[in-house]
Amino acid sequence: SYLLRLHMADFAKGQNCNDALALSRRGELLETAFANVFWSDGMRLFVPDPTLPYLKGIMLSEIIASGVFEVCFVKHTM
């Protein structure tokens, strides 16, 4: 699976981009080549739904567990 991540990063660089977004087969936003994706709107944190096939990193887990944000799990399509 690491080889796929390297391929994604290489593809992004070939397109003059810093990173690439990974999508599910249904077009749902999952993550980037080497990082989780999340965004906030004030104190609400939007995170891809944990039922989606992505790797939740340590920092994302810590941010969610902190209780600072209201966490909204989403299936955001691109």
N, C-alpha and C. Protein backbone atom coordinates (compact mmCIF):
# COMPACT_ATOMS: atom_id res chain seq x y z
N SER A 1 0.82 -1.20 0.00
CA SER A 1 0.00 0.00 0.00
C SER A 1 0.86 1.26 0.00
N TYR A 2 2.10 1.16 0.53
CA TYR A 2 2.99 2.31 0.53
C TYR A 2 3.39 2.71 -0.89
N LEU A 3 3.54 1.73 -1.76
CA LEU A 3 3.88 2.01 -3.15
C LEU A 3 2.80 2.85 -3.82
N LEU A 4 1.54 2.57 -3.52
CA LEU A 4 0.44 3.36 -4.06
C LEU A 4 0.56 4.81 -3.58
N ARG A 5 0.92 5.00 -2.32
CA ARG A 5 1.09 6.37 -1.78
C ARG A 5 2.21 7.10 -2.52
N LEU A 6 3.30 6.42 -2.77
CA LEU A 6 4.40 7.03 -3.52
C LEU A 6 3.97 7.38 -4.93
N HIS A 7 3.18 6.51 -5.55
CA HIS A 7 2.67 6.78 -6.90
C HIS A 7 1.76 8.01 -6.90
N MET A 8 0.90 8.12 -5.89
CA MET A 8 0.02 9.28 -5.79
C MET A 8 0.83 10.57 -5.65
N ALA A 9 1.83 10.56 -4.79
CA ALA A 9 2.67 11.75 -4.59
C ALA A 9 3.43 12.10 -5.86
N ASP A 10 3.94 11.11 -6.55
CA ASP A 10 4.66 11.33 -7.80
C ASP A 10 3.73 11.90 -8.87
N PHE A 11 2.51 11.38 -8.94
CA PHE A 11 1.52 11.89 -9.89
C PHE A 11 1.23 13.36 -9.60
N ALA A 12 1.06 13.70 -8.33
CA ALA A 12 0.77 15.09 -7.96
C ALA A 12 1.90 16.01 -8.39
N LYS A 13 3.14 15.59 -8.13
CA LYS A 13 4.29 16.41 -8.52
C LYS A 13 4.34 16.60 -10.03
N GLY A 14 3.97 15.56 -10.78
CA GLY A 14 3.93 15.65 -12.23
C GLY A 14 2.87 16.61 -12.74
N GLN A 15 1.89 16.92 -11.89
CA GLN A 15 0.83 17.86 -12.24
C GLN A 15 1.09 19.25 -11.62
N ASN A 16 2.31 19.44 -11.11
CA ASN A 16 2.71 20.68 -10.43
C ASN A 16 1.86 20.96 -9.19
N CYS A 17 1.52 19.91 -8.47
CA CYS A 17 0.74 20.02 -7.23
C CYS A 17 1.59 19.51 -6.06
N ASN A 18 1.25 19.93 -4.87
CA ASN A 18 1.98 19.48 -3.68
C ASN A 18 1.57 18.10 -3.22
N ASP A 19 0.31 17.74 -3.45
CA ASP A 19 -0.19 16.45 -2.98
C ASP A 19 -1.41 16.08 -3.82
N ALA A 20 -1.88 14.87 -3.64
CA ALA A 20 -3.05 14.38 -4.39
C ALA A 20 -4.12 13.94 -3.39
N LEU A 21 -5.37 14.16 -3.76
CA LEU A 21 -6.48 13.70 -2.94
C LEU A 21 -6.84 12.27 -3.33
N ALA A 22 -7.09 11.44 -2.34
CA ALA A 22 -7.55 10.07 -2.58
C ALA A 22 -9.06 10.05 -2.40
N LEU A 23 -9.74 9.44 -3.36
CA LEU A 23 -11.20 9.32 -3.31
C LEU A 23 -11.59 7.85 -3.28
N SER A 24 -12.76 7.59 -2.72
CA SER A 24 -13.29 6.22 -2.75
C SER A 24 -13.80 5.93 -4.16
N ARG A 25 -14.23 4.73 -4.39
CA ARG A 25 -14.78 4.38 -5.71
C ARG A 25 -16.04 5.17 -6.02
N ARG A 26 -16.71 5.67 -4.97
CA ARG A 26 -17.94 6.46 -5.16
C ARG A 26 -17.64 7.96 -5.21
N GLY A 27 -16.34 8.32 -5.20
CA GLY A 27 -15.95 9.72 -5.29
C GLY A 27 -15.95 10.45 -3.95
N GLU A 28 -15.97 9.70 -2.85
CA GLU A 28 -15.97 10.33 -1.53
C GLU A 28 -14.53 10.66 -1.12
N LEU A 29 -14.36 11.85 -0.59
CA LEU A 29 -13.05 12.31 -0.14
C LEU A 29 -12.55 11.45 1.01
N LEU A 30 -11.31 10.93 0.89
CA LEU A 30 -10.75 10.06 1.92
C LEU A 30 -9.57 10.71 2.63
N GLU A 31 -8.51 11.03 1.89
CA GLU A 31 -7.26 11.51 2.47
C GLU A 31 -6.36 12.00 1.34
N THR A 32 -5.13 12.37 1.69
CA THR A 32 -4.14 12.68 0.66
C THR A 32 -3.16 11.52 0.61
N ALA A 33 -2.12 11.67 -0.17
CA ALA A 33 -1.15 10.58 -0.30
C ALA A 33 -0.55 10.20 1.06
N PHE A 34 -0.27 11.19 1.90
CA PHE A 34 0.39 10.90 3.18
C PHE A 34 -0.22 11.63 4.36
N ALA A 35 -1.44 12.15 4.23
CA ALA A 35 -2.04 12.90 5.34
C ALA A 35 -3.55 12.73 5.36
N ASN A 36 -4.12 12.93 6.54
CA ASN A 36 -5.57 12.95 6.67
C ASN A 36 -6.10 14.28 6.20
N VAL A 37 -7.36 14.30 5.81
CA VAL A 37 -8.05 15.51 5.39
C VAL A 37 -9.13 15.82 6.41
N PHE A 38 -9.16 17.05 6.87
CA PHE A 38 -10.26 17.51 7.71
C PHE A 38 -10.32 19.02 7.59
N TRP A 39 -11.45 19.61 7.93
CA TRP A 39 -11.59 21.05 7.88
C TRP A 39 -12.50 21.48 9.01
N SER A 40 -12.44 22.75 9.35
CA SER A 40 -13.25 23.24 10.46
C SER A 40 -14.07 24.44 10.03
N ASP A 41 -15.14 24.63 10.74
CA ASP A 41 -16.03 25.78 10.58
C ASP A 41 -16.29 26.26 12.00
N GLY A 42 -15.43 27.14 12.48
CA GLY A 42 -15.53 27.54 13.88
C GLY A 42 -15.08 26.38 14.76
N MET A 43 -15.96 25.90 15.60
CA MET A 43 -15.62 24.82 16.52
C MET A 43 -16.13 23.47 16.04
N ARG A 44 -16.60 23.40 14.80
CA ARG A 44 -17.01 22.12 14.22
C ARG A 44 -15.89 21.61 13.33
N LEU A 45 -15.53 20.35 13.53
CA LEU A 45 -14.48 19.70 12.76
C LEU A 45 -15.13 18.67 11.85
N PHE A 46 -14.90 18.80 10.56
CA PHE A 46 -15.46 17.87 9.58
C PHE A 46 -14.39 16.87 9.18
N VAL A 47 -14.72 15.59 9.34
CA VAL A 47 -13.78 14.49 9.13
C VAL A 47 -14.47 13.44 8.26
N PRO A 48 -13.75 12.81 7.33
CA PRO A 48 -14.38 11.73 6.57
C PRO A 48 -14.95 10.66 7.51
N ASP A 49 -16.10 10.15 7.14
CA ASP A 49 -16.80 9.14 7.94
C ASP A 49 -15.88 7.95 8.21
N PRO A 50 -15.82 7.47 9.46
CA PRO A 50 -14.91 6.36 9.77
C PRO A 50 -15.28 5.04 9.10
N THR A 51 -16.46 4.95 8.49
CA THR A 51 -16.82 3.73 7.75
C THR A 51 -16.17 3.71 6.37
N LEU A 52 -15.58 4.84 5.95
CA LEU A 52 -14.91 4.91 4.66
C LEU A 52 -13.52 4.28 4.77
N PRO A 53 -12.98 3.79 3.65
CA PRO A 53 -11.68 3.09 3.68
C PRO A 53 -10.47 4.02 3.63
N TYR A 54 -10.17 4.63 4.77
CA TYR A 54 -8.97 5.46 4.85
C TYR A 54 -8.24 5.14 6.15
N LEU A 55 -6.99 5.57 6.22
CA LEU A 55 -6.15 5.32 7.39
C LEU A 55 -6.19 6.55 8.29
N LYS A 56 -6.80 6.41 9.46
CA LYS A 56 -6.88 7.54 10.39
C LYS A 56 -5.55 7.65 11.12
N GLY A 57 -4.89 8.79 10.95
CA GLY A 57 -3.58 9.00 11.55
C GLY A 57 -3.65 9.35 13.03
N ILE A 58 -2.49 9.37 13.65
CA ILE A 58 -2.39 9.64 15.08
C ILE A 58 -2.88 11.04 15.43
N MET A 59 -2.47 12.03 14.68
CA MET A 59 -2.88 13.41 15.00
C MET A 59 -4.39 13.59 14.87
N LEU A 60 -4.97 13.02 13.82
CA LEU A 60 -6.42 13.13 13.67
C LEU A 60 -7.12 12.46 14.84
N SER A 61 -6.64 11.30 15.25
CA SER A 61 -7.21 10.61 16.41
C SER A 61 -7.11 11.46 17.67
N GLU A 62 -5.97 12.11 17.86
CA GLU A 62 -5.76 12.96 19.03
C GLU A 62 -6.67 14.18 19.01
N ILE A 63 -6.82 14.79 17.85
CA ILE A 63 -7.69 15.96 17.72
C ILE A 63 -9.13 15.58 18.04
N ILE A 64 -9.59 14.45 17.51
CA ILE A 64 -10.95 14.00 17.78
C ILE A 64 -11.13 13.70 19.26
N ALA A 65 -10.16 13.01 19.86
CA ALA A 65 -10.25 12.62 21.27
C ALA A 65 -10.15 13.81 22.23
N SER A 66 -9.58 14.91 21.77
CA SER A 66 -9.38 16.06 22.66
C SER A 66 -10.70 16.64 23.17
N GLY A 67 -11.76 16.47 22.41
CA GLY A 67 -13.06 17.01 22.82
C GLY A 67 -13.19 18.51 22.61
N VAL A 68 -12.20 19.15 22.00
CA VAL A 68 -12.23 20.58 21.77
C VAL A 68 -13.26 20.93 20.70
N PHE A 69 -13.37 20.08 19.71
CA PHE A 69 -14.26 20.34 18.58
C PHE A 69 -15.49 19.45 18.62
N GLU A 70 -16.57 19.95 18.05
CA GLU A 70 -17.72 19.10 17.75
C GLU A 70 -17.35 18.39 16.45
N VAL A 71 -17.24 17.08 16.49
CA VAL A 71 -16.78 16.33 15.32
C VAL A 71 -17.99 15.91 14.49
N CYS A 72 -17.94 16.25 13.20
CA CYS A 72 -18.98 15.90 12.25
C CYS A 72 -18.38 14.95 11.21
N PHE A 73 -18.81 13.71 11.22
CA PHE A 73 -18.32 12.76 10.23
C PHE A 73 -19.14 12.91 8.96
N VAL A 74 -18.45 13.03 7.83
CA VAL A 74 -19.13 13.32 6.57
C VAL A 74 -18.68 12.37 5.47
N LYS A 75 -19.54 12.19 4.50
CA LYS A 75 -19.20 11.50 3.25
C LYS A 75 -19.32 12.56 2.15
N HIS A 76 -18.22 13.28 1.97
CA HIS A 76 -18.18 14.41 1.04
C HIS A 76 -17.71 13.93 -0.33
N THR A 77 -18.54 14.10 -1.35
CA THR A 77 -18.15 13.67 -2.69
C THR A 77 -17.55 14.82 -3.46
N MET A 78 -16.64 14.47 -4.36
CA MET A 78 -15.94 15.46 -5.18
C MET A 78 -16.50 15.44 -6.59
